[in-house]
Protein backbone atom coordinates (compact mmCIF):
# COMPACT_ATOMS: atom_id res chain seq x y z
CA MET A 1 35.80 17.64 -26.67
CA ILE A 2 35.31 14.32 -24.89
CA LYS A 3 37.59 15.49 -22.08
CA ARG A 4 35.62 18.74 -21.71
CA LEU A 5 32.33 16.84 -21.76
CA GLY A 6 33.58 14.62 -18.96
CA ARG A 7 34.00 17.68 -16.74
CA GLN A 8 30.49 19.01 -17.25
CA PRO A 9 28.60 19.26 -13.92
CA TRP A 10 25.74 17.06 -15.11
CA VAL A 11 28.18 14.35 -16.20
CA LEU A 12 30.00 14.43 -12.86
CA SER A 13 26.67 14.37 -11.02
CA PHE A 14 25.48 11.38 -13.04
CA VAL A 15 28.71 9.42 -12.50
CA GLY A 16 28.76 10.27 -8.79
CA THR A 17 25.17 9.14 -8.37
CA MET A 18 25.89 5.89 -10.21
CA LEU A 19 28.98 5.33 -8.05
CA ALA A 20 26.94 5.73 -4.86
CA GLY A 21 24.34 3.29 -6.16
CA TRP A 22 27.05 0.79 -7.09
CA LEU A 23 28.69 0.98 -3.66
CA LYS A 24 25.34 0.42 -1.95
CA LEU A 25 24.79 -2.62 -4.16
CA VAL A 26 28.23 -3.98 -3.28
CA TYR A 27 27.62 -3.49 0.44
CA ARG A 28 24.17 -5.08 0.41
CA THR A 29 25.16 -8.12 -1.65
CA ASN A 30 28.36 -9.02 0.20
CA ARG A 31 28.33 -10.82 3.56
CA PHE A 32 30.26 -8.36 5.70
CA VAL A 33 32.01 -8.96 9.01
CA VAL A 34 33.43 -6.24 11.27
CA LYS A 35 36.58 -6.98 13.26
CA PRO A 36 37.71 -6.89 15.99
CA ASP A 37 34.45 -7.94 17.62
CA GLY A 38 32.73 -5.11 19.47
CA ILE A 39 35.01 -2.46 17.98
CA HIS A 40 32.20 0.03 17.34
CA ASP A 41 31.06 -0.06 20.96
CA GLU A 42 34.67 0.28 22.09
CA MET A 43 35.21 3.37 19.92
CA GLU A 44 32.11 5.24 21.16
CA SER A 45 33.96 6.80 24.09
CA HIS A 46 36.82 8.00 21.84
CA LEU A 47 34.75 9.90 19.27
CA PRO A 48 35.38 11.99 17.30
CA VAL A 49 38.29 10.30 15.54
CA ILE A 50 40.40 10.86 12.44
CA VAL A 51 39.71 7.90 10.17
CA ALA A 52 42.78 7.00 8.11
CA MET A 53 42.50 5.06 4.85
CA TRP A 54 44.60 4.40 1.77
CA HIS A 55 43.86 5.89 -1.64
CA GLY A 56 42.46 3.22 -3.93
CA GLN A 57 41.11 1.23 -1.01
CA HIS A 58 38.74 3.94 0.19
CA PHE A 59 35.53 3.41 -1.78
CA MET A 60 33.76 1.19 0.78
CA VAL A 61 35.02 2.97 3.92
CA PRO A 62 31.76 4.98 4.33
CA PHE A 63 30.12 1.70 5.35
CA ALA A 64 32.68 1.12 8.11
CA LYS A 65 30.96 3.49 10.51
CA PRO A 66 27.58 3.13 12.27
CA SER A 67 24.97 5.45 10.77
CA HIS A 68 24.67 7.49 13.98
CA TRP A 69 28.34 8.56 13.94
CA PRO A 70 28.48 12.03 12.33
CA ALA A 71 31.43 12.36 9.96
CA LYS A 72 32.91 14.38 7.14
CA VAL A 73 35.34 13.16 4.51
CA MET A 74 38.16 15.17 2.97
CA ILE A 75 38.04 14.98 -0.83
CA SER A 76 40.08 16.85 -3.42
CA ARG A 77 38.63 19.58 -5.62
CA SER A 78 39.58 17.76 -8.84
CA ALA A 79 37.06 16.34 -11.33
CA ASP A 80 37.62 12.85 -9.94
CA GLY A 81 37.21 14.31 -6.48
CA GLU A 82 33.89 15.86 -7.51
CA VAL A 83 32.58 12.42 -8.48
CA ASN A 84 33.71 11.00 -5.13
CA ALA A 85 32.19 13.99 -3.31
CA ILE A 86 28.79 13.49 -4.94
CA ALA A 87 28.88 9.79 -4.05
CA ALA A 88 29.97 10.52 -0.47
CA ARG A 89 27.17 13.03 0.01
CA LYS A 90 24.61 10.49 -1.20
CA LEU A 91 26.06 8.01 1.28
CA GLY A 92 25.36 10.41 4.13
CA LEU A 93 28.77 11.99 4.67
CA GLY A 94 29.63 15.65 5.04
CA LEU A 95 32.40 17.10 2.88
CA ILE A 96 35.66 18.95 3.29
CA ARG A 97 36.93 19.88 -0.18
CA ALA A 98 40.71 19.89 0.00
CA SER A 99 43.71 17.62 -0.26
CA GLY A 100 47.32 17.59 0.83
CA GLY A 101 50.49 18.04 -1.16
CA LYS A 102 54.19 17.35 -1.13
CA ASN A 103 55.23 21.01 -0.93
CA ALA A 104 53.84 24.43 -0.04
CA ARG A 105 52.81 25.19 -3.63
CA GLN A 106 50.79 21.99 -3.96
CA ILE A 107 49.20 22.47 -0.55
CA LYS A 108 48.10 25.99 -1.47
CA LYS A 109 46.81 24.94 -4.89
CA ARG A 110 44.80 22.06 -3.44
CA GLY A 111 43.32 24.09 -0.59
CA GLY A 112 45.25 22.08 1.97
CA MET A 113 45.53 24.76 4.66
CA ARG A 114 41.89 25.76 4.39
CA GLY A 115 40.92 22.09 4.55
CA PHE A 116 43.14 21.61 7.60
CA ILE A 117 41.40 24.45 9.44
CA GLU A 118 37.97 23.13 8.47
CA ALA A 119 38.96 19.65 9.66
CA LEU A 120 40.04 21.10 13.04
CA ARG A 121 36.69 22.87 13.34
CA THR A 122 34.81 19.72 12.34
CA LEU A 123 36.54 17.65 15.01
CA LYS A 124 35.92 20.34 17.63
CA GLU A 125 32.22 20.19 16.76
CA GLY A 126 32.20 16.46 17.51
CA HIS A 127 32.22 15.11 13.94
CA SER A 128 34.81 12.54 12.92
CA VAL A 129 36.96 13.27 9.86
CA ALA A 130 37.92 10.63 7.28
CA MET A 131 40.91 11.20 5.02
CA THR A 132 43.39 9.30 2.91
CA ALA A 133 46.81 9.20 4.50
CA ASP A 134 48.84 8.99 1.29
CA VAL A 135 49.25 12.09 -0.88
CA PRO A 136 48.19 12.21 -4.57
CA LYS A 137 49.80 11.15 -6.82
CA GLY A 138 52.00 8.81 -4.99
CA PRO A 139 53.88 6.95 -3.97
CA SER A 140 50.92 4.87 -2.92
CA ARG A 141 50.60 3.63 0.64
CA LYS A 142 53.19 6.06 1.96
CA SER A 143 51.60 8.23 4.60
CA GLY A 144 52.08 11.97 4.54
CA THR A 145 52.48 14.06 7.68
CA GLY A 146 49.22 16.00 7.23
CA ILE A 147 47.11 13.46 9.07
CA VAL A 148 49.63 13.38 11.93
CA GLN A 149 49.63 17.19 12.16
CA LEU A 150 45.83 17.12 12.33
CA ALA A 151 45.95 14.66 15.23
CA LYS A 152 48.55 16.76 17.02
CA HIS A 153 46.66 20.04 16.77
CA SER A 154 43.16 18.62 17.33
CA GLY A 155 43.96 16.28 20.20
CA ARG A 156 41.92 13.56 18.48
CA PRO A 157 43.26 10.07 17.71
CA ILE A 158 43.90 8.52 14.29
CA LEU A 159 41.95 5.34 13.56
CA PRO A 160 43.29 3.12 10.73
CA VAL A 161 40.45 1.44 8.80
CA ALA A 162 40.38 -0.93 5.81
CA VAL A 163 37.57 -2.58 3.86
CA ALA A 164 38.00 -5.49 1.46
CA THR A 165 35.77 -7.72 -0.65
CA SER A 166 36.43 -11.20 -1.96
CA ARG A 167 35.74 -10.03 -5.51
CA SER A 168 37.22 -6.90 -7.08
CA ILE A 169 38.87 -5.43 -10.14
CA GLU A 170 42.35 -3.99 -9.65
CA LEU A 171 43.08 -0.90 -11.72
CA ASP A 172 46.45 0.08 -13.19
CA SER A 173 46.50 3.46 -11.43
CA TRP A 174 49.03 5.21 -9.19
CA ASP A 175 47.05 4.18 -6.12
CA LYS A 176 46.39 0.61 -7.33
CA ALA A 177 42.68 1.25 -6.91
CA SER A 178 40.44 -1.70 -6.10
CA VAL A 179 36.93 -1.64 -7.56
CA ASN A 180 34.81 -3.78 -5.26
CA LEU A 181 32.30 -6.17 -6.79
CA PRO A 182 28.98 -7.56 -5.46
CA PHE A 183 27.93 -11.10 -4.50
CA GLY A 184 30.77 -12.26 -2.30
CA ARG A 185 32.24 -11.68 1.13
CA GLY A 186 33.31 -8.42 2.71
CA SER A 187 35.30 -7.37 5.74
CA ILE A 188 35.86 -4.20 7.73
CA PHE A 189 38.97 -4.19 9.91
CA VAL A 190 39.70 -1.44 12.43
CA GLY A 191 43.12 -0.87 13.93
CA ASP A 192 44.42 0.56 17.18
CA LEU A 193 44.05 4.26 17.96
CA ILE A 194 47.13 6.41 17.39
CA TRP A 195 47.35 9.40 19.74
CA VAL A 196 49.72 12.26 18.91
CA SER A 197 50.62 14.57 21.78
CA SER A 198 50.30 18.33 21.28
CA ASP A 199 53.95 18.80 22.30
CA THR A 200 55.27 16.40 19.65
CA ASP A 201 58.20 18.01 17.82
CA ASP A 202 59.02 17.72 14.11
CA ASP A 203 61.47 14.86 14.61
CA GLU A 204 58.89 12.84 16.54
CA LEU A 205 56.26 13.42 13.85
CA GLU A 206 58.13 10.98 11.62
CA THR A 207 57.67 8.25 14.23
CA PHE A 208 53.91 8.79 14.22
CA ARG A 209 53.83 9.01 10.43
CA LEU A 210 55.38 5.55 10.30
CA GLN A 211 52.86 4.31 12.87
CA VAL A 212 50.03 5.43 10.60
CA GLU A 213 51.67 3.75 7.62
CA GLU A 214 52.28 0.52 9.49
CA GLY A 215 48.81 0.59 11.05
CA LEU A 216 47.08 1.01 7.69
CA ASN A 217 49.17 -1.69 6.05
CA ALA A 218 48.32 -4.04 8.92
CA VAL A 219 44.55 -3.49 8.81
CA THR A 220 44.53 -3.72 5.02
CA SER A 221 46.34 -7.05 5.13
CA LYS A 222 43.95 -8.37 7.81
CA ALA A 223 40.87 -7.18 5.92
CA TYR A 224 42.00 -9.12 2.84
CA GLU A 225 42.82 -12.20 4.91
CA LEU A 226 39.25 -12.23 6.24
CA VAL A 227 37.85 -12.55 2.70
CA GLY A 228 40.37 -15.23 1.71
CA ARG A 229 42.64 -13.07 -0.41
CA ALA A 230 46.12 -11.61 -0.29
CA ASP A 231 46.41 -7.83 -0.31
CA GLY A 232 47.18 -6.67 -3.85
């Protein structure tokens, strides 16, 4: 009964609204820095981009972009995803309801192909797309190829982004989720653009997949260093 109650629309709406409020509180009460210096101005000429982030480290990423950058975020259609979707909408982001998978059956079940097509259309319309690079449910911090395929077919670059706070609670979940806390220091670290050519073959996709993985691990490590902590 408790499990069914937790999936009721009004419960999900309430939790999503509370999550958005909490994230705003965290952002407003931490002293944030954005690195490298001038990165937002530098990125203006490259928009739209595909923002890459890790599961579990994604909650504060909506605050990594200037408010005038239009963007949508890809979020799964699960109950947890619904909570995140409600929060993201209240934080001013558009939504693409889909997620990737490890095989064709998972991709179909999670709406992966439909989400991929919608993401292509979103980028063509000039809106950036944010998505987690690793595939539920693990292994964590191992990039899938979906984000690389999106870059290949859209012609838009991948931008690794990480956000960290000096105070957080680390959850015992598959993605090692970090619940950011208020009243401390925060950092937003943006990596180098990763461009994937339209003529990239399947063998070369693995090279770019590793670049995404390495790029995200690097920005995550640097974001934590800026707030005086070690990643994880």
